[in-house]
PDB file of N, CA and C in Angstrom:
ATOM      1  N   ASP A   1      95.729 101.071  72.850  1.00  0.00           N
ATOM      2  CA  ASP A   1      95.761 102.528  73.583  1.00  0.00           C
ATOM      3  C   ASP A   1      95.054 102.304  74.955  1.00  0.00           C
ATOM      4  N   GLU A   2      95.830 102.527  75.958  1.00  0.00           N
ATOM      5  CA  GLU A   2      94.971 102.132  77.167  1.00  0.00           C
ATOM      6  C   GLU A   2      93.814 102.708  77.620  1.00  0.00           C
ATOM      7  N   VAL A   3      92.810 102.265  78.303  1.00  0.00           N
ATOM      8  CA  VAL A   3      91.714 102.980  78.870  1.00  0.00           C
ATOM      9  C   VAL A   3      91.988 103.528  80.214  1.00  0.00           C
ATOM     10  N   PRO A   4      91.755 104.813  80.203  1.00  0.00           N
ATOM     11  CA  PRO A   4      91.948 105.331  81.431  1.00  0.00           C
ATOM     12  C   PRO A   4      91.263 104.870  82.801  1.00  0.00           C
ATOM     13  N   GLU A   5      92.020 104.514  83.905  1.00  0.00           N
ATOM     14  CA  GLU A   5      90.965 104.143  84.995  1.00  0.00           C
ATOM     15  C   GLU A   5      91.062 105.430  85.912  1.00  0.00           C
ATOM     16  N   GLY A   6      89.746 104.672  86.947  1.00  0.00           N
ATOM     17  CA  GLY A   6      89.128 105.960  87.963  1.00  0.00           C
ATOM     18  C   GLY A   6      90.217 105.532  88.807  1.00  0.00           C
ATOM     19  N   ALA A   7      90.182 106.713  89.885  1.00  0.00           N
ATOM     20  CA  ALA A   7      90.904 106.648  91.349  1.00  0.00           C
ATOM     21  C   ALA A   7      90.407 105.165  92.039  1.00  0.00           C
ATOM     22  N   ALA A   8      89.313 104.903  92.101  1.00  0.00           N
ATOM     23  CA  ALA A   8      88.399 104.071  92.984  1.00  0.00           C
ATOM     24  C   ALA A   8      89.442 102.713  92.474  1.00  0.00           C
ATOM     25  N   ALA A   9      89.564 102.224  90.849  1.00  0.00           N
ATOM     26  CA  ALA A   9      90.261 101.122  90.098  1.00  0.00           C
ATOM     27  C   ALA A   9      91.744 101.192  90.464  1.00  0.00           C
ATOM     28  N   LEU A  10      92.464 102.572  90.585  1.00  0.00           N
ATOM     29  CA  LEU A  10      93.901 102.248  90.799  1.00  0.00           C
ATOM     30  C   LEU A  10      93.727 101.766  92.364  1.00  0.00           C
ATOM     31  N   LYS A  11      92.884 102.637  93.571  1.00  0.00           N
ATOM     32  CA  LYS A  11      92.988 102.405  94.576  1.00  0.00           C
ATOM     33  C   LYS A  11      92.751 100.982  95.172  1.00  0.00           C
ATOM     34  N   LYS A  12      91.817 100.071  94.207  1.00  0.00           N
ATOM     35  CA  LYS A  12      92.081  98.604  94.836  1.00  0.00           C
ATOM     36  C   LYS A  12      92.878  97.944  93.863  1.00  0.00           C
ATOM     37  N   LYS A  13      93.684  98.134  93.286  1.00  0.00           N
ATOM     38  CA  LYS A  13      94.883  97.398  92.495  1.00  0.00           C
ATOM     39  C   LYS A  13      95.820  97.721  93.614  1.00  0.00           C
ATOM     40  N   LEU A  14      96.147  98.776  94.077  1.00  0.00           N
ATOM     41  CA  LEU A  14      97.172  99.165  95.091  1.00  0.00           C
ATOM     42  C   LEU A  14      96.691  98.157  96.309  1.00  0.00           C
ATOM     43  N   ARG A  15      95.460  98.219  96.939  1.00  0.00           N
ATOM     44  CA  ARG A  15      95.152  97.538  98.003  1.00  0.00           C
ATOM     45  C   ARG A  15      95.577  96.111  97.821  1.00  0.00           C
ATOM     46  N   ASP A  16      94.979  95.434  96.558  1.00  0.00           N
ATOM     47  CA  ASP A  16      95.162  94.231  96.214  1.00  0.00           C
ATOM     48  C   ASP A  16      96.618  93.962  96.257  1.00  0.00           C
ATOM     49  N   THR A  17      97.582  94.566  95.593  1.00  0.00           N
ATOM     50  CA  THR A  17      99.013  94.668  95.738  1.00  0.00           C
ATOM     51  C   THR A  17      99.702  94.376  97.231  1.00  0.00           C
ATOM     52  N   LEU A  18      99.296  95.343  97.991  1.00  0.00           N
ATOM     53  CA  LEU A  18      99.575  95.385  99.280  1.00  0.00           C
ATOM     54  C   LEU A  18      99.344  94.243  99.974  1.00  0.00           C
ATOM     55  N   ARG A  19      98.011  93.805  99.758  1.00  0.00           N
ATOM     56  CA  ARG A  19      97.705  92.342 100.468  1.00  0.00           C
ATOM     57  C   ARG A  19      98.436  91.340  99.930  1.00  0.00           C
ATOM     58  N   LEU A  20      98.699  91.168  98.742  1.00  0.00           N
ATOM     59  CA  LEU A  20      99.357  90.006  98.306  1.00  0.00           C
ATOM     60  C   LEU A  20     100.823  90.068  98.660  1.00  0.00           C
ATOM     61  N   LEU A  21     101.418  91.497  99.073  1.00  0.00           N
ATOM     62  CA  LEU A  21     102.786  91.389  99.795  1.00  0.00           C
ATOM     63  C   LEU A  21     102.759  90.944 100.898  1.00  0.00           C
ATOM     64  N   SER A  22     101.699  91.250 101.996  1.00  0.00           N
ATOM     65  CA  SER A  22     101.738  91.308 103.145  1.00  0.00           C
ATOM     66  C   SER A  22     101.576  89.775 103.654  1.00  0.00           C
ATOM     67  N   ASN A  23     100.480  89.038 102.692  1.00  0.00           N
ATOM     68  CA  ASN A  23     100.241  87.907 103.138  1.00  0.00           C
ATOM     69  C   ASN A  23     101.394  86.779 102.555  1.00  0.00           C
ATOM     70  N   ASN A  24     102.200  86.894 101.930  1.00  0.00           N
ATOM     71  CA  ASN A  24     103.190  86.119 101.161  1.00  0.00           C
ATOM     72  C   ASN A  24     104.627  86.783 101.572  1.00  0.00           C
ATOM     73  N   PRO A  25     104.963  86.202 102.811  1.00  0.00           N
ATOM     74  CA  PRO A  25     106.219  86.812 103.495  1.00  0.00           C
ATOM     75  C   PRO A  25     107.453  85.940 102.936  1.00  0.00           C
ATOM     76  N   LYS A  26     106.911  84.931 102.118  1.00  0.00           N
ATOM     77  CA  LYS A  26     108.080  83.750 101.780  1.00  0.00           C
ATOM     78  C   LYS A  26     108.190  84.196 100.024  1.00  0.00           C
ATOM     79  N   MET A  27     107.795  85.323  99.569  1.00  0.00           N
ATOM     80  CA  MET A  27     107.705  85.618  97.790  1.00  0.00           C
ATOM     81  C   MET A  27     109.372  85.792  97.581  1.00  0.00           C
ATOM     82  N   PRO A  28     109.403  85.379  96.465  1.00  0.00           N
ATOM     83  CA  PRO A  28     111.143  86.030  95.950  1.00  0.00           C
ATOM     84  C   PRO A  28     111.361  86.682  95.706  1.00  0.00           C
ATOM     85  N   ALA A  29     112.383  87.348  95.985  1.00  0.00           N
ATOM     86  CA  ALA A  29     112.954  88.819  96.111  1.00  0.00           C
ATOM     87  C   ALA A  29     112.550  89.496  94.554  1.00  0.00           C
ATOM     88  N   ASP A  30     112.917  88.910  93.619  1.00  0.00           N
ATOM     89  CA  ASP A  30     112.626  89.530  92.070  1.00  0.00           C
ATOM     90  C   ASP A  30     111.025  89.645  91.896  1.00  0.00           C
ATOM     91  N   VAL A  31     110.013  88.573  92.484  1.00  0.00           N
ATOM     92  CA  VAL A  31     108.653  88.980  92.228  1.00  0.00           C
ATOM     93  C   VAL A  31     108.351  90.262  93.441  1.00  0.00           C
ATOM     94  N   ARG A  32     108.722  90.061  94.547  1.00  0.00           N
ATOM     95  CA  ARG A  32     108.570  91.078  95.399  1.00  0.00           C
ATOM     96  C   ARG A  32     109.096  92.335  95.040  1.00  0.00           C
ATOM     97  N   LEU A  33     110.185  92.703  94.246  1.00  0.00           N
ATOM     98  CA  LEU A  33     110.704  93.788  93.897  1.00  0.00           C
ATOM     99  C   LEU A  33     109.793  94.252  92.783  1.00  0.00           C
ATOM    100  N   GLU A  34     109.233  93.442  91.886  1.00  0.00           N
ATOM    101  CA  GLU A  34     108.134  93.565  90.783  1.00  0.00           C
ATOM    102  C   GLU A  34     107.071  94.683  91.885  1.00  0.00           C
ATOM    103  N   HIS A  35     106.328  93.808  92.303  1.00  0.00           N
ATOM    104  CA  HIS A  35     105.202  94.184  93.233  1.00  0.00           C
ATOM    105  C   HIS A  35     105.515  95.761  93.918  1.00  0.00           C
ATOM    106  N   GLU A  36     106.859  95.784  94.606  1.00  0.00           N
ATOM    107  CA  GLU A  36     107.103  96.915  95.237  1.00  0.00           C
ATOM    108  C   GLU A  36     106.987  98.259  94.351  1.00  0.00           C
ATOM    109  N   ARG A  37     107.442  98.001  92.750  1.00  0.00           N
ATOM    110  CA  ARG A  37     107.351  98.928  91.737  1.00  0.00           C
ATOM    111  C   ARG A  37     106.196  99.378  91.594  1.00  0.00           C
ATOM    112  N   ARG A  38     105.232  98.262  91.310  1.00  0.00           N
ATOM    113  CA  ARG A  38     104.090  98.187  90.964  1.00  0.00           C
ATOM    114  C   ARG A  38     103.240  99.237  91.786  1.00  0.00           C
ATOM    115  N   ILE A  39     103.352  99.405  93.483  1.00  0.00           N
ATOM    116  CA  ILE A  39     103.296 100.095  94.336  1.00  0.00           C
ATOM    117  C   ILE A  39     103.297 101.330  94.088  1.00  0.00           C
ATOM    118  N   GLU A  40     104.724 101.556  94.007  1.00  0.00           N
ATOM    119  CA  GLU A  40     105.200 102.789  93.640  1.00  0.00           C
ATOM    120  C   GLU A  40     104.298 103.596  92.603  1.00  0.00           C
ATOM    121  N   ALA A  41     104.172 103.093  91.171  1.00  0.00           N
ATOM    122  CA  ALA A  41     103.421 103.329  90.152  1.00  0.00           C
ATOM    123  C   ALA A  41     101.884 103.523  90.447  1.00  0.00           C
ATOM    124  N   LEU A  42     101.451 102.775  91.176  1.00  0.00           N
ATOM    125  CA  LEU A  42     100.345 103.094  91.315  1.00  0.00           C
ATOM    126  C   LEU A  42      99.886 104.325  92.149  1.00  0.00           C
ATOM    127  N   ASN A  43     100.620 104.920  93.140  1.00  0.00           N
ATOM    128  CA  ASN A  43     100.729 105.500  94.046  1.00  0.00           C
ATOM    129  C   ASN A  43     100.757 106.983  93.395  1.00  0.00           C
ATOM    130  N   LEU A  44     101.635 106.657  92.444  1.00  0.00           N
ATOM    131  CA  LEU A  44     101.878 108.162  91.696  1.00  0.00           C
ATOM    132  C   LEU A  44     100.556 108.385  90.544  1.00  0.00           C
ATOM    133  N   GLN A  45     100.129 107.274  89.798  1.00  0.00           N
ATOM    134  CA  GLN A  45      98.751 107.365  89.118  1.00  0.00           C
ATOM    135  C   GLN A  45      97.662 107.851  90.336  1.00  0.00           C
ATOM    136  N   ILE A  46      97.697 107.299  91.445  1.00  0.00           N
ATOM    137  CA  ILE A  46      96.367 108.025  92.357  1.00  0.00           C
ATOM    138  C   ILE A  46      96.823 109.749  92.413  1.00  0.00           C
ATOM    139  N   ALA A  47      98.003 110.124  92.618  1.00  0.00           N
ATOM    140  CA  ALA A  47      98.088 111.129  93.107  1.00  0.00           C
ATOM    141  C   ALA A  47      98.075 112.315  91.729  1.00  0.00           C
ATOM    142  N   GLU A  48      98.572 111.509  90.466  1.00  0.00           N
ATOM    143  CA  GLU A  48      97.884 112.301  89.114  1.00  0.00           C
ATOM    144  C   GLU A  48      96.591 112.666  89.229  1.00  0.00           C
ATOM    145  N   LYS A  49      95.498 111.415  89.468  1.00  0.00           N
ATOM    146  CA  LYS A  49      94.537 111.383  89.488  1.00  0.00           C
ATOM    147  C   LYS A  49      93.771 112.303  90.101  1.00  0.00           C
ATOM    148  N   GLN A  50      94.239 112.623  91.613  1.00  0.00           N
ATOM    149  CA  GLN A  50      93.449 113.604  92.446  1.00  0.00           C
ATOM    150  C   GLN A  50      93.971 114.916  91.950  1.00  0.00           C
ATOM    151  N   VAL A  51      95.255 115.531  91.435  1.00  0.00           N
ATOM    152  CA  VAL A  51      95.533 116.289  90.974  1.00  0.00           C
ATOM    153  C   VAL A  51      94.449 116.827  89.762  1.00  0.00           C
ATOM    154  N   ASP A  52      93.982 116.016  88.786  1.00  0.00           N
ATOM    155  CA  ASP A  52      93.191 116.332  87.425  1.00  0.00           C
ATOM    156  C   ASP A  52      91.759 116.404  88.447  1.00  0.00           C
ATOM    157  N   GLN A  53      91.384 115.452  89.401  1.00  0.00           N
ATOM    158  CA  GLN A  53      90.093 115.761  89.767  1.00  0.00           C
ATOM    159  C   GLN A  53      90.278 117.473  90.514  1.00  0.00           C
ATOM    160  N   THR A  54      90.983 117.818  91.111  1.00  0.00           N
ATOM    161  CA  THR A  54      91.163 119.192  91.781  1.00  0.00           C
ATOM    162  C   THR A  54      90.956 119.811  90.712  1.00  0.00           C
ATOM    163  N   GLU A  55      91.890 119.874  89.525  1.00  0.00           N
ATOM    164  CA  GLU A  55      92.126 120.443  88.334  1.00  0.00           C
ATOM    165  C   GLU A  55      90.694 120.880  87.735  1.00  0.00           C
ATOM    166  N   GLN A  56      89.904 119.960  87.628  1.00  0.00           N
ATOM    167  CA  GLN A  56      88.389 120.008  86.927  1.00  0.00           C
ATOM    168  C   GLN A  56      87.275 120.414  87.513  1.00  0.00           C
ATOM    169  N   LYS A  57      87.489 120.232  89.152  1.00  0.00           N
ATOM    170  CA  LYS A  57      86.918 120.915  89.836  1.00  0.00           C
ATOM    171  C   LYS A  57      86.647 122.685  90.158  1.00  0.00           C
ATOM    172  N   MET A  58      88.073 122.814  90.204  1.00  0.00           N
ATOM    173  CA  MET A  58      88.386 124.011  90.065  1.00  0.00           C
ATOM    174  C   MET A  58      88.145 125.185  88.892  1.00  0.00           C
ATOM    175  N   ALA A  59      88.553 124.427  87.858  1.00  0.00           N
ATOM    176  CA  ALA A  59      88.343 124.822  86.635  1.00  0.00           C
ATOM    177  C   ALA A  59      86.769 125.037  86.344  1.00  0.00           C
ATOM    178  N   THR A  60      85.658 124.438  86.863  1.00  0.00           N
ATOM    179  CA  THR A  60      84.439 124.364  86.651  1.00  0.00           C
ATOM    180  C   THR A  60      83.489 125.540  87.395  1.00  0.00           C
ATOM    181  N   LYS A  61      84.445 125.564  88.531  1.00  0.00           N
ATOM    182  CA  LYS A  61      83.859 126.597  89.788  1.00  0.00           C
ATOM    183  C   LYS A  61      84.197 127.492  89.392  1.00  0.00           C
ATOM    184  N   TYR A  62      85.219 128.481  89.085  1.00  0.00           N
ATOM    185  CA  TYR A  62      85.820 129.449  88.722  1.00  0.00           C
ATOM    186  C   TYR A  62      85.795 129.751  86.892  1.00  0.00           C
ATOM    187  N   ARG A  63      84.858 129.175  86.232  1.00  0.00           N
ATOM    188  CA  ARG A  63      84.586 129.394  84.803  1.00  0.00           C
ATOM    189  C   ARG A  63      84.298 130.212  84.527  1.00  0.00           C
ATOM    190  N   MET A  64      82.906 131.053  85.201  1.00  0.00           N
ATOM    191  CA  MET A  64      82.383 131.812  84.675  1.00  0.00           C
ATOM    192  C   MET A  64      82.879 133.325  85.661  1.00  0.00           C
ATOM    193  N   VAL A  65      83.480 133.504  86.665  1.00  0.00           N
ATOM    194  CA  VAL A  65      84.192 134.085  87.075  1.00  0.00           C
ATOM    195  C   VAL A  65      85.314 134.627  86.191  1.00  0.00           C
ATOM    196  N   ARG A  66      86.137 133.678  85.897  1.00  0.00           N
ATOM    197  CA  ARG A  66      87.323 134.014  84.733  1.00  0.00           C
ATOM    198  C   ARG A  66      86.784 134.469  83.438  1.00  0.00           C
ATOM    199  N   PHE A  67      85.786 134.150  83.003  1.00  0.00           N
ATOM    200  CA  PHE A  67      85.003 134.786  81.823  1.00  0.00           C
ATOM    201  C   PHE A  67      84.700 136.094  81.849  1.00  0.00           C
ATOM    202  N   PHE A  68      84.055 136.422  83.136  1.00  0.00           N
ATOM    203  CA  PHE A  68      83.738 137.584  83.164  1.00  0.00           C
ATOM    204  C   PHE A  68      84.987 138.849  82.889  1.00  0.00           C
ATOM    205  N   GLU A  69      85.899 137.905  84.275  1.00  0.00           N
ATOM    206  CA  GLU A  69      86.965 139.266  84.665  1.00  0.00           C
ATOM    207  C   GLU A  69      87.649 138.989  83.048  1.00  0.00           C
ATOM    208  N   SER A  70      87.880 138.492  82.236  1.00  0.00           N
ATOM    209  CA  SER A  70      88.732 138.362  81.047  1.00  0.00           C
ATOM    210  C   SER A  70      87.842 139.291  80.335  1.00  0.00           C
ATOM    211  N   LYS A  71      86.577 139.589  80.238  1.00  0.00           N
ATOM    212  CA  LYS A  71      85.248 140.287  79.528  1.00  0.00           C
ATOM    213  C   LYS A  71      86.137 141.540  79.800  1.00  0.00           C
ATOM    214  N   LYS A  72      86.292 141.855  81.254  1.00  0.00           N
ATOM    215  CA  LYS A  72      86.072 143.008  81.862  1.00  0.00           C
ATOM    216  C   LYS A  72      87.871 143.532  81.544  1.00  0.00           C
ATOM    217  N   ALA A  73      88.790 142.643  81.524  1.00  0.00           N
ATOM    218  CA  ALA A  73      90.044 143.213  80.971  1.00  0.00           C
ATOM    219  C   ALA A  73      90.266 143.918  79.967  1.00  0.00           C
ATOM    220  N   ASP A  74      89.682 142.898  78.858  1.00  0.00           N
ATOM    221  CA  ASP A  74      89.442 143.253  77.427  1.00  0.00           C
ATOM    222  C   ASP A  74      88.773 144.727  77.584  1.00  0.00           C
ATOM    223  N   ARG A  75      87.753 144.831  78.084  1.00  0.00           N
ATOM    224  CA  ARG A  75      86.956 146.229  77.943  1.00  0.00           C
ATOM    225  C   ARG A  75      88.216 147.204  78.408  1.00  0.00           C
ATOM    226  N   ARG A  76      88.667 147.057  79.369  1.00  0.00           N
ATOM    227  CA  ARG A  76      89.107 148.041  80.198  1.00  0.00           C
ATOM    228  C   ARG A  76      90.330 148.359  78.880  1.00  0.00           C
ATOM    229  N   LEU A  77      90.946 147.701  78.475  1.00  0.00           N
ATOM    230  CA  LEU A  77      91.937 147.605  77.716  1.00  0.00           C
ATOM    231  C   LEU A  77      91.816 148.406  76.257  1.00  0.00           C
ATOM    232  N   LYS A  78      90.965 147.725  75.467  1.00  0.00           N
ATOM    233  CA  LYS A  78      89.990 148.559  74.623  1.00  0.00           C
ATOM    234  C   LYS A  78      89.360 150.153  74.747  1.00  0.00           C
ATOM    235  N   VAL A  79      88.934 150.161  75.888  1.00  0.00           N
ATOM    236  CA  VAL A  79      88.728 151.885  76.474  1.00  0.00           C
ATOM    237  C   VAL A  79      89.919 152.633  76.712  1.00  0.00           C
ATOM    238  N   PHE A  80      90.994 151.752  77.040  1.00  0.00           N
ATOM    239  CA  PHE A  80      92.008 152.613  77.325  1.00  0.00           C
ATOM    240  C   PHE A  80      92.718 153.044  75.926  1.00  0.00           C
ATOM    241  N   PHE A  81      92.900 152.333  75.054  1.00  0.00           N
ATOM    242  CA  PHE A  81      93.630 152.736  73.890  1.00  0.00           C
ATOM    243  C   PHE A  81      92.402 153.670  72.963  1.00  0.00           C
ATOM    244  N   ARG A  82      91.272 153.342  73.159  1.00  0.00           N
ATOM    245  CA  ARG A  82      90.588 154.492  72.311  1.00  0.00           C
ATOM    246  C   ARG A  82      90.528 155.794  73.035  1.00  0.00           C
ATOM    247  N   GLN A  83      90.485 155.672  74.316  1.00  0.00           N
ATOM    248  CA  GLN A  83      90.733 157.159  74.850  1.00  0.00           C
ATOM    249  C   GLN A  83      92.067 158.004  74.824  1.00  0.00           C
ATOM    250  N   ASN A  84      93.246 157.076  74.588  1.00  0.00           N
ATOM    251  CA  ASN A  84      94.468 157.241  74.179  1.00  0.00           C
ATOM    252  C   ASN A  84      95.200 157.003  73.532  1.00  0.00           C
ATOM    253  N   PRO A  85      94.977 157.769  71.997  1.00  0.00           N
ATOM    254  CA  PRO A  85      95.615 157.043  70.873  1.00  0.00           C
ATOM    255  C   PRO A  85      97.200 157.167  70.720  1.00  0.00           C
ATOM    256  N   ASN A  86      97.570 157.880  71.388  1.00  0.00           N
ATOM    257  CA  ASN A  86      99.331 158.270  71.777  1.00  0.00           C
ATOM    258  C   ASN A  86      99.656 157.671  72.669  1.00  0.00           C
ATOM    259  N   TRP A  87      99.282 156.677  73.145  1.00  0.00           N
ATOM    260  CA  TRP A  87      99.869 156.348  74.638  1.00  0.00           C
ATOM    261  C   TRP A  87     101.308 155.647  74.330  1.00  0.00           C
ATOM    262  N   GLU A  88     102.009 155.320  73.519  1.00  0.00           N
ATOM    263  CA  GLU A  88     103.106 155.129  73.107  1.00  0.00           C
ATOM    264  C   GLU A  88     103.938 156.159  73.738  1.00  0.00           C
ATOM    265  N   GLN A  89     103.879 157.768  73.316  1.00  0.00           N
ATOM    266  CA  GLN A  89     105.064 158.400  73.992  1.00  0.00           C
ATOM    267  C   GLN A  89     105.093 158.971  75.321  1.00  0.00           C
ATOM    268  N   ILE A  90     103.851 158.664  76.072  1.00  0.00           N
ATOM    269  CA  ILE A  90     103.562 158.800  77.277  1.00  0.00           C
ATOM    270  C   ILE A  90     103.890 157.593  78.361  1.00  0.00           C
ATOM    271  N   GLU A  91     105.354 157.772  79.011  1.00  0.00           N
ATOM    272  CA  GLU A  91     105.744 156.633  80.159  1.00  0.00           C
ATOM    273  C   GLU A  91     104.789 156.336  80.953  1.00  0.00           C
ATOM    274  N   GLU A  92     103.979 157.065  81.353  1.00  0.00           N
ATOM    275  CA  GLU A  92     103.133 156.330  82.535  1.00  0.00           C
ATOM    276  C   GLU A  92     101.589 155.689  81.697  1.00  0.00           C
ATOM    277  N   GLN A  93     101.458 156.421  80.760  1.00  0.00           N
ATOM    278  CA  GLN A  93     100.655 155.326  79.915  1.00  0.00           C
ATOM    279  C   GLN A  93     100.837 154.204  79.264  1.00  0.00           C
ATOM    280  N   LYS A  94     102.086 153.885  79.170  1.00  0.00           N
ATOM    281  CA  LYS A  94     102.908 152.803  78.977  1.00  0.00           C
ATOM    282  C   LYS A  94     102.771 151.722  79.890  1.00  0.00           C
ATOM    283  N   LYS A  95     103.002 151.944  80.960  1.00  0.00           N
ATOM    284  CA  LYS A  95     102.829 151.250  82.411  1.00  0.00           C
ATOM    285  C   LYS A  95     101.478 150.945  82.627  1.00  0.00           C
ATOM    286  N   GLU A  96     100.396 151.876  82.193  1.00  0.00           N
ATOM    287  CA  GLU A  96      99.063 151.712  82.492  1.00  0.00           C
ATOM    288  C   GLU A  96      98.727 150.419  81.678  1.00  0.00           C
ATOM    289  N   VAL A  97      99.150 150.370  80.185  1.00  0.00           N
ATOM    290  CA  VAL A  97      99.057 149.690  78.958  1.00  0.00           C
ATOM    291  C   VAL A  97      99.585 147.866  79.678  1.00  0.00           C
ATOM    292  N   GLU A  98     100.993 147.940  79.983  1.00  0.00           N
ATOM    293  CA  GLU A  98     101.451 146.790  80.631  1.00  0.00           C
ATOM    294  C   GLU A  98     100.645 146.176  81.890  1.00  0.00           C
ATOM    295  N   SER A  99     100.024 147.284  82.519  1.00  0.00           N
ATOM    296  CA  SER A  99      99.603 146.756  83.924  1.00  0.00           C
ATOM    297  C   SER A  99      98.277 145.985  83.252  1.00  0.00           C
ATOM    298  N   LEU A 100      97.387 146.495  82.477  1.00  0.00           N
ATOM    299  CA  LEU A 100      96.524 145.837  81.912  1.00  0.00           C
ATOM    300  C   LEU A 100      96.810 144.873  80.958  1.00  0.00           C
ATOM    301  N   GLN A 101      97.612 144.650  80.410  1.00  0.00           N
ATOM    302  CA  GLN A 101      98.138 143.516  79.614  1.00  0.00           C
ATOM    303  C   GLN A 101      98.350 142.392  80.848  1.00  0.00           C
ATOM    304  N   LEU A 102      98.950 142.852  82.074  1.00  0.00           N
ATOM    305  CA  LEU A 102      99.479 141.872  82.865  1.00  0.00           C
ATOM    306  C   LEU A 102      98.071 141.471  83.686  1.00  0.00           C
ATOM    307  N   ASP A 103      97.098 141.865  83.875  1.00  0.00           N
ATOM    308  CA  ASP A 103      95.907 141.572  84.698  1.00  0.00           C
ATOM    309  C   ASP A 103      95.441 140.622  83.569  1.00  0.00           C
ATOM    310  N   LEU A 104      95.382 140.436  82.317  1.00  0.00           N
ATOM    311  CA  LEU A 104      94.806 139.632  81.478  1.00  0.00           C
ATOM    312  C   LEU A 104      95.556 138.464  81.433  1.00  0.00           C
ATOM    313  N   ALA A 105      96.657 138.883  81.262  1.00  0.00           N
ATOM    314  CA  ALA A 105      97.851 137.277  81.319  1.00  0.00           C
ATOM    315  C   ALA A 105      97.230 136.410  82.591  1.00  0.00           C
ATOM    316  N   TYR A 106      97.256 137.460  83.939  1.00  0.00           N
ATOM    317  CA  TYR A 106      97.058 136.889  85.386  1.00  0.00           C
ATOM    318  C   TYR A 106      95.580 135.858  84.968  1.00  0.00           C
ATOM    319  N   ILE A 107      94.416 136.144  84.631  1.00  0.00           N
ATOM    320  CA  ILE A 107      93.074 135.887  84.395  1.00  0.00           C
ATOM    321  C   ILE A 107      93.302 134.461  83.405  1.00  0.00           C
ATOM    322  N   GLN A 108      93.956 134.722  82.556  1.00  0.00           N
ATOM    323  CA  GLN A 108      94.543 133.419  81.357  1.00  0.00           C
ATOM    324  C   GLN A 108      94.965 132.303  81.892  1.00  0.00           C
ATOM    325  N   HIS A 109      96.173 132.507  82.794  1.00  0.00           N
ATOM    326  CA  HIS A 109      96.968 131.706  82.917  1.00  0.00           C
ATOM    327  C   HIS A 109      97.303 131.218  84.450  1.00  0.00           C
ATOM    328  N   PHE A 110      96.231 131.457  85.275  1.00  0.00           N
ATOM    329  CA  PHE A 110      96.119 131.276  86.716  1.00  0.00           C
ATOM    330  C   PHE A 110      96.233 129.828  86.769  1.00  0.00           C
ATOM    331  N   PRO A 111      96.701 129.388  87.818  1.00  0.00           N
ATOM    332  CA  PRO A 111      96.644 128.022  87.962  1.00  0.00           C
ATOM    333  C   PRO A 111      95.342 127.287  88.085  1.00  0.00           C
ATOM    334  N   LYS A 112      94.965 126.072  87.467  1.00  0.00           N
ATOM    335  CA  LYS A 112      93.462 125.383  87.901  1.00  0.00           C
ATOM    336  C   LYS A 112      93.376 124.870  89.097  1.00  0.00           C
ATOM    337  N   THR A 113      94.520 124.738  89.616  1.00  0.00           N
ATOM    338  CA  THR A 113      94.018 123.621  90.769  1.00  0.00           C
ATOM    339  C   THR A 113      94.017 124.581  92.038  1.00  0.00           C
ATOM    340  N   LEU A 114      94.441 125.998  91.805  1.00  0.00           N
ATOM    341  CA  LEU A 114      94.377 126.945  93.103  1.00  0.00           C
ATOM    342  C   LEU A 114      92.904 127.419  93.080  1.00  0.00           C
ATOM    343  N   LYS A 115      92.282 127.989  94.168  1.00  0.00           N
ATOM    344  CA  LYS A 115      91.578 128.888  94.454  1.00  0.00           C
ATOM    345  C   LYS A 115      91.775 130.292  93.556  1.00  0.00           C
ATOM    346  N   TYR A 116      90.913 130.737  92.589  1.00  0.00           N
ATOM    347  CA  TYR A 116      90.882 131.932  91.909  1.00  0.00           C
ATOM    348  C   TYR A 116      90.652 133.210  92.872  1.00  0.00           C
ATOM    349  N   ILE A 117      91.881 133.930  92.611  1.00  0.00           N
ATOM    350  CA  ILE A 117      91.553 135.201  93.407  1.00  0.00           C
ATOM    351  C   ILE A 117      91.203 136.123  92.330  1.00  0.00           C
ATOM    352  N   SER A 118      89.844 136.877  92.701  1.00  0.00           N
ATOM    353  CA  SER A 118      89.399 138.023  91.656  1.00  0.00           C
ATOM    354  C   SER A 118      90.341 139.111  91.610  1.00  0.00           C
ATOM    355  N   LEU A 119      90.422 139.881  90.239  1.00  0.00           N
ATOM    356  CA  LEU A 119      91.084 141.172  90.370  1.00  0.00           C
ATOM    357  C   LEU A 119      90.130 142.149  90.595  1.00  0.00           C
ATOM    358  N   TYR A 120      89.246 141.951  90.048  1.00  0.00           N
ATOM    359  CA  TYR A 120      88.171 143.096  90.406  1.00  0.00           C
ATOM    360  C   TYR A 120      86.630 142.662  91.362  1.00  0.00           C
ATOM    361  N   PRO A 121      87.063 142.313  92.541  1.00  0.00           N
ATOM    362  CA  PRO A 121      86.045 141.872  93.498  1.00  0.00           C
ATOM    363  C   PRO A 121      85.070 142.993  93.717  1.00  0.00           C
ATOM    364  N   ASN A 122      83.757 142.791  93.811  1.00  0.00           N
ATOM    365  CA  ASN A 122      82.486 143.831  94.831  1.00  0.00           C
ATOM    366  C   ASN A 122      82.455 144.726  93.771  1.00  0.00           C
ATOM    367  N   GLU A 123      82.141 144.929  92.369  1.00  0.00           N
ATOM    368  CA  GLU A 123      82.618 146.013  91.639  1.00  0.00           C
ATOM    369  C   GLU A 123      80.859 146.053  91.229  1.00  0.00           C
ATOM    370  N   ASN A 124      80.562 147.253  90.952  1.00  0.00           N
ATOM    371  CA  ASN A 124      79.369 147.362  90.357  1.00  0.00           C
ATOM    372  C   ASN A 124      79.128 146.536  89.221  1.00  0.00           C
ATOM    373  N   ALA A 125      77.901 146.518  89.006  1.00  0.00           N
ATOM    374  CA  ALA A 125      77.391 145.295  87.897  1.00  0.00           C
ATOM    375  C   ALA A 125      77.147 146.507  86.747  1.00  0.00           C
ATOM    376  N   ASP A 126      77.371 147.649  86.111  1.00  0.00           N
ATOM    377  CA  ASP A 126      77.435 148.359  85.332  1.00  0.00           C
ATOM    378  C   ASP A 126      78.711 148.677  84.614  1.00  0.00           C
ATOM    379  N   ASP A 127      79.590 148.110  85.463  1.00  0.00           N
ATOM    380  CA  ASP A 127      81.127 148.760  85.217  1.00  0.00           C
ATOM    381  C   ASP A 127      81.542 147.581  84.128  1.00  0.00           C
TER     382      ASP A 127
END
């Protein structure tokens, strides 16, 4: 199994390969093609690393906000079910349940690479 490399190590390999190509213009075609393919692969790996780093940064940054919002959404759903035991019979209440479930899905499945946009901004602490 391959040990995952850091972005710096991948960038160093890329620079080394680029230097090798630029310093040896009389390199055989098959070797040159192999190095060009390696450059493309390294560029893809570097891009993946950058996405992973962004994802991890955003996930840790918004972890607490998302946690509290999921608790708020859960609580709102439970309160709604408690206050409206026959919600399935009224169309307006069905839409309200759907909306609350949609809010919960939004919180749980929001992309980790983007800045999280809060559903419940600037609400009272006792809510």
